[in-house]
Protein backbone atom coordinates (compact mmCIF):
# COMPACT_ATOMS: atom_id res chain seq x y z
CA UNK A 1 205.99 112.99 196.56
CA UNK A 2 202.27 112.86 197.30
CA UNK A 3 200.75 116.29 197.88
CA UNK A 4 197.54 116.47 199.92
CA UNK A 5 196.17 120.03 199.89
CA UNK A 6 193.19 120.91 202.09
CA UNK A 7 191.35 124.18 202.64
CA UNK A 8 189.61 124.99 205.89
CA UNK A 9 186.95 127.72 205.55
CA UNK A 10 188.24 128.49 202.07
CA UNK A 11 188.33 127.10 198.56
CA UNK A 12 191.67 126.06 197.05
CA UNK A 13 192.13 127.89 193.76
CA UNK A 14 194.35 126.50 190.99
CA UNK A 15 196.71 129.46 191.50
CA UNK A 16 197.15 128.59 195.20
CA UNK A 17 197.63 124.90 194.36
CA UNK A 18 200.33 125.77 191.80
CA UNK A 19 202.05 128.20 194.18
CA UNK A 20 202.20 125.65 197.00
CA UNK A 21 203.51 122.89 194.72
CA UNK A 22 206.27 125.10 193.26
CA UNK A 23 207.36 126.22 196.74
CA UNK A 24 207.45 122.65 198.04
CA UNK A 25 209.58 121.55 195.07
CA UNK A 26 212.39 123.64 196.58
CA UNK A 27 212.15 121.65 199.82
CA UNK A 28 212.09 118.32 197.99
CA UNK A 29 215.11 119.49 195.98
CA UNK A 30 217.21 119.50 199.15
CA UNK A 31 215.96 116.15 200.36
CA UNK A 32 214.61 113.75 197.74
CA UNK A 33 213.22 111.16 200.16
CA UNK A 34 210.02 113.08 200.94
CA UNK A 35 207.20 110.51 200.91
CA UNK A 36 204.08 112.51 201.67
CA UNK A 37 203.17 116.18 202.20
CA UNK A 38 199.98 117.34 203.90
CA UNK A 39 199.14 121.04 203.59
CA UNK A 40 196.19 122.71 205.30
CA UNK A 41 195.29 126.29 204.40
CA UNK A 42 193.04 127.98 206.98
CA UNK A 43 191.32 131.35 207.16
CA UNK A 44 190.51 132.69 210.65
CA UNK A 45 189.04 136.20 210.51
CA UNK A 46 191.99 138.37 209.39
CA UNK A 47 194.66 135.69 209.82
CA UNK A 48 195.72 133.30 207.04
CA UNK A 49 197.32 130.15 208.42
CA UNK A 50 199.31 127.36 206.74
CA UNK A 51 200.10 123.97 208.34
CA UNK A 52 202.49 121.60 206.58
CA UNK A 53 203.53 118.09 207.60
CA UNK A 54 206.26 116.31 205.66
CA UNK A 55 206.56 112.56 206.06
CA UNK A 56 210.17 111.48 205.53
CA UNK A 57 211.77 108.13 206.40
CA UNK A 58 212.16 107.95 210.15
CA UNK A 59 210.53 111.27 211.00
CA UNK A 60 207.62 113.66 210.46
CA UNK A 61 208.50 117.33 210.03
CA UNK A 62 205.80 119.85 210.93
CA UNK A 63 205.69 123.62 210.44
CA UNK A 64 202.99 126.23 210.66
CA UNK A 65 202.87 129.95 209.97
CA UNK A 66 200.24 132.66 209.99
CA UNK A 67 200.16 136.02 208.24
CA UNK A 68 197.69 138.55 206.82
CA UNK A 69 198.39 137.32 203.27
CA UNK A 70 198.15 133.64 202.27
CA UNK A 71 201.04 133.84 199.83
CA UNK A 72 203.40 135.35 202.40
CA UNK A 73 202.32 132.70 204.93
CA UNK A 74 203.21 130.02 202.37
CA UNK A 75 206.60 131.68 201.85
CA UNK A 76 207.26 131.74 205.60
CA UNK A 77 206.30 128.10 206.12
CA UNK A 78 208.46 126.90 203.21
CA UNK A 79 211.43 128.78 204.70
CA UNK A 80 210.81 127.04 208.03
CA UNK A 81 210.50 123.65 206.34
CA UNK A 82 213.65 124.27 204.34
CA UNK A 83 215.65 124.85 207.53
CA UNK A 84 214.11 121.83 209.25
CA UNK A 85 214.75 119.53 206.29
CA UNK A 86 218.39 120.61 206.06
CA UNK A 87 218.80 120.01 209.81
CA UNK A 88 217.21 116.55 209.47
CA UNK A 89 219.48 115.75 206.53
CA UNK A 90 222.56 116.75 208.54
CA UNK A 91 221.46 114.56 211.45
CA UNK A 92 221.15 111.57 209.12
CA UNK A 93 224.68 112.02 207.82
CA UNK A 94 226.39 112.98 211.08
CA UNK A 95 227.05 109.95 213.25
CA UNK A 96 229.93 111.49 215.23
CA UNK A 97 232.48 109.64 213.15
CA UNK A 98 235.11 112.38 213.07
CA UNK A 99 236.46 111.86 216.59
CA UNK A 100 235.92 108.11 216.82
CA UNK A 101 237.24 107.04 213.44
CA UNK A 102 240.37 104.91 213.31
CA UNK A 103 242.25 107.38 211.13
CA UNK A 104 241.86 110.12 213.80
CA UNK A 105 243.11 108.00 216.68
CA UNK A 106 246.75 108.28 217.77
CA UNK A 107 249.13 105.85 216.15
CA UNK A 108 251.24 103.85 218.64
């Protein structure tokens, strides 16, 4: 997993870099086919904003959150990404086979 971390109107500290990477490990633990992650941390007056784009095979997953605290914004965006990754993983595995499979059809 390639992690690209960018700061907009702020400097990325080693503590922030470590916090983001540990939070994103949870997301990659659910779905191990994450190719690339782009994270942008932005400060706009009193609002701290986090944009994350995950590049997975066949799709790009994007989430953004804003809060007064950067760490809580990172927590919120990882929760969003976690839900989106699990939904994407379910879509990959679910091909509506339950009703159309031969074993579920009536025997004549």
